[in-house]
Protein backbone atom coordinates (compact mmCIF):
# COMPACT_ATOMS: atom_id res chain seq x y z
CA MET A 1 133.31 81.29 -59.16
CA THR A 2 134.46 83.75 -56.48
CA ARG A 3 133.30 87.35 -56.43
CA GLU A 4 136.78 88.40 -57.56
CA GLN A 5 136.72 85.96 -60.49
CA MET A 6 133.22 87.10 -61.39
CA SER A 7 134.36 90.73 -61.34
CA GLN A 8 137.41 90.03 -63.48
CA LYS A 9 135.40 87.97 -65.97
CA ALA A 10 132.86 90.80 -66.40
CA GLN A 11 135.68 93.28 -67.01
CA ASP A 12 137.27 90.88 -69.51
CA LEU A 13 133.97 90.44 -71.37
CA PHE A 14 133.65 94.23 -71.61
CA LEU A 15 137.20 94.52 -72.93
CA GLN A 16 136.43 91.79 -75.47
CA GLY A 17 133.41 93.64 -76.85
CA PHE A 18 130.30 93.09 -74.74
CA HIS A 19 128.47 96.20 -73.63
CA CYS A 20 128.64 96.75 -69.87
CA SER A 21 125.05 95.58 -69.37
CA GLN A 22 125.77 92.34 -71.21
CA ALA A 23 129.02 91.65 -69.36
CA VAL A 24 127.33 91.94 -65.96
CA LEU A 25 124.44 89.65 -66.83
CA ALA A 26 126.65 87.12 -68.63
CA VAL A 27 128.82 86.49 -65.56
CA THR A 28 125.77 86.31 -63.31
CA ALA A 29 124.18 83.70 -65.58
CA GLU A 30 127.45 81.75 -65.68
CA MET A 31 127.85 81.89 -61.92
CA PHE A 32 124.36 80.45 -61.41
CA GLU A 33 124.70 78.02 -64.35
CA MET A 34 121.81 79.51 -66.31
CA GLU A 35 121.38 79.84 -70.06
CA ALA A 36 120.76 83.48 -70.84
CA ASP A 37 121.94 84.10 -74.41
CA ASP A 38 118.64 85.73 -75.41
CA VAL A 39 118.65 88.00 -72.36
CA ILE A 40 122.28 88.93 -72.97
CA ALA A 41 121.38 89.88 -76.54
CA ALA A 42 118.34 91.83 -75.32
CA LEU A 43 120.61 93.93 -73.08
CA ALA A 44 122.73 95.17 -76.01
CA PRO A 45 120.83 98.46 -76.49
CA PHE A 46 121.36 99.36 -72.83
CA GLY A 47 124.99 100.19 -73.61
CA GLY A 48 125.89 103.85 -73.81
CA GLY A 49 123.36 104.62 -71.12
CA MET A 50 119.99 103.44 -72.42
CA ALA A 51 120.26 103.35 -76.20
CA SER A 52 123.34 105.57 -76.37
CA THR A 53 121.58 108.50 -74.70
CA GLY A 54 124.13 108.78 -71.89
CA ASN A 55 121.40 108.12 -69.33
CA VAL A 56 121.43 105.35 -66.68
CA CYS A 57 124.63 103.31 -66.98
CA GLY A 58 124.18 99.91 -68.58
CA THR A 59 126.17 98.35 -65.76
CA LEU A 60 123.31 99.12 -63.37
CA SER A 61 120.77 97.91 -65.93
CA GLY A 62 122.68 94.64 -66.24
CA ALA A 63 122.88 94.25 -62.46
CA ILE A 64 119.14 94.85 -62.01
CA ALA A 65 118.38 92.49 -64.91
CA SER A 66 120.58 89.89 -63.19
CA VAL A 67 118.48 90.16 -60.03
CA GLY A 68 115.36 89.74 -62.17
CA LEU A 69 116.83 86.80 -64.07
CA LEU A 70 117.44 84.97 -60.82
CA MET A 71 114.45 86.12 -58.78
CA GLY A 72 111.71 87.36 -61.09
CA LYS A 73 108.56 85.45 -61.83
CA LYS A 74 108.36 83.54 -65.08
CA GLU A 75 104.58 83.16 -65.29
CA PRO A 76 101.91 85.87 -64.90
CA ALA A 77 100.25 84.20 -61.90
CA ALA A 78 103.54 83.38 -60.17
CA LYS A 79 105.17 85.51 -57.49
CA ASP A 80 108.53 87.22 -57.54
CA HIS A 81 111.09 86.00 -55.04
CA ARG A 82 110.38 87.63 -51.68
CA GLU A 83 113.81 89.33 -51.65
CA MET A 84 113.86 90.60 -55.26
CA TRP A 85 112.72 94.19 -54.69
CA ARG A 86 114.89 94.66 -51.60
CA LEU A 87 118.02 93.40 -53.37
CA ALA A 88 117.34 95.39 -56.55
CA ASN A 89 116.85 98.55 -54.50
CA ARG A 90 120.01 97.85 -52.52
CA MET A 91 121.92 97.39 -55.80
CA VAL A 92 120.78 100.84 -56.94
CA ARG A 93 121.94 102.41 -53.66
CA GLU A 94 125.29 100.62 -53.84
CA PHE A 95 125.72 101.72 -57.46
CA GLU A 96 125.12 105.31 -56.40
CA ASN A 97 128.02 104.89 -53.96
CA ILE A 98 130.25 103.25 -56.57
CA THR A 99 129.66 106.05 -59.07
CA SER A 100 129.63 108.99 -56.66
CA GLU A 101 133.16 110.00 -57.71
CA PHE A 102 131.82 110.55 -61.24
CA GLY A 103 128.89 112.69 -60.15
CA GLY A 104 126.05 110.29 -60.87
CA ILE A 105 124.78 106.98 -62.18
CA ASN A 106 124.51 108.06 -65.80
CA CYS A 107 126.79 106.74 -68.50
CA GLY A 108 127.48 110.32 -69.53
CA ASP A 109 128.85 111.01 -66.05
CA ILE A 110 131.07 107.93 -66.01
CA ALA A 111 132.27 107.46 -69.60
CA ARG A 112 132.03 111.12 -70.59
CA VAL A 113 131.33 110.21 -74.21
CA ASP A 114 128.86 111.80 -76.59
CA TRP A 115 127.46 108.55 -78.02
CA HIS A 116 126.05 110.42 -81.03
CA ASP A 117 129.52 111.61 -82.08
CA ARG A 118 130.95 108.75 -84.15
CA ASP A 119 134.53 110.00 -83.79
CA ALA A 120 134.21 110.22 -80.00
CA VAL A 121 132.79 106.69 -79.86
CA ARG A 122 135.61 105.33 -82.07
CA THR A 123 138.18 107.03 -79.87
CA PHE A 124 136.54 105.62 -76.73
CA TYR A 125 136.65 102.03 -78.02
CA ARG A 126 140.07 102.37 -79.65
CA ASP A 127 141.89 103.60 -76.55
CA LYS A 128 141.17 100.98 -73.90
CA ASN A 129 143.78 102.59 -71.63
CA SER A 130 142.06 105.98 -71.54
CA SER A 131 140.79 107.19 -68.19
CA ARG A 132 137.23 107.13 -69.57
CA TYR A 133 137.42 103.49 -70.64
CA THR A 134 139.17 102.39 -67.46
CA ALA A 135 136.50 104.22 -65.42
CA CYS A 136 133.86 102.03 -67.07
CA THR A 137 135.90 98.91 -66.44
CA ARG A 138 136.37 99.82 -62.77
CA VAL A 139 132.65 100.51 -62.34
CA ILE A 140 131.79 97.15 -63.93
CA GLY A 141 134.20 95.33 -61.63
CA ALA A 142 133.02 97.05 -58.46
CA THR A 143 129.35 96.55 -59.37
CA VAL A 144 129.80 92.84 -60.00
CA MET A 145 131.55 92.44 -56.64
CA VAL A 146 128.57 94.05 -54.88
CA LEU A 147 126.12 92.01 -56.95
CA ALA A 148 127.92 88.79 -56.04
CA ASP A 149 127.76 89.73 -52.36
CA LEU A 150 124.06 90.56 -52.57
CA LEU A 151 123.14 87.36 -54.39
CA GLY A 152 125.57 85.09 -52.58
CA GLY A 153 123.47 84.33 -49.53
CA VAL A 154 120.02 84.18 -51.11
CA GLU A 155 118.04 80.99 -51.46
CA LEU A 156 116.92 81.47 -55.06
CA HIS A 157 113.92 79.17 -54.99
CA GLY A 158 112.13 80.92 -52.13
CA GLU A 159 109.12 83.14 -52.71
């Protein structure tokens, strides 16, 4: 899957109903041919900026979780991949650049939705052509492109 296909697939998954965090991890798992249904489900409450608080955007949470899925240790005595922390940190810095036009990395900055206002949430999900919804879709797409670039050249079995 190319970085462009990965980006488009993540945006499509978001449009179909996944939260941004789930869409990002789902395409990463697919790209690397990994089963991650449980992790995708576990990322559901990261939508709306950490449990609908408007805090850190779920897209970034999904990207960082993707790095961990591919490079994190799976046993207490094991070691994380030698590049994991560097790539995760780079993803955060790149996300700051992607979201700078919105004023920050928080969901509240990007989506501009009060997730505790049921009517505002319904309106957000109902109008997929609104500037707020398309901002989220653009951020997801751009983030997945960067993530694909970051992960593309890494030997995943190295420590």
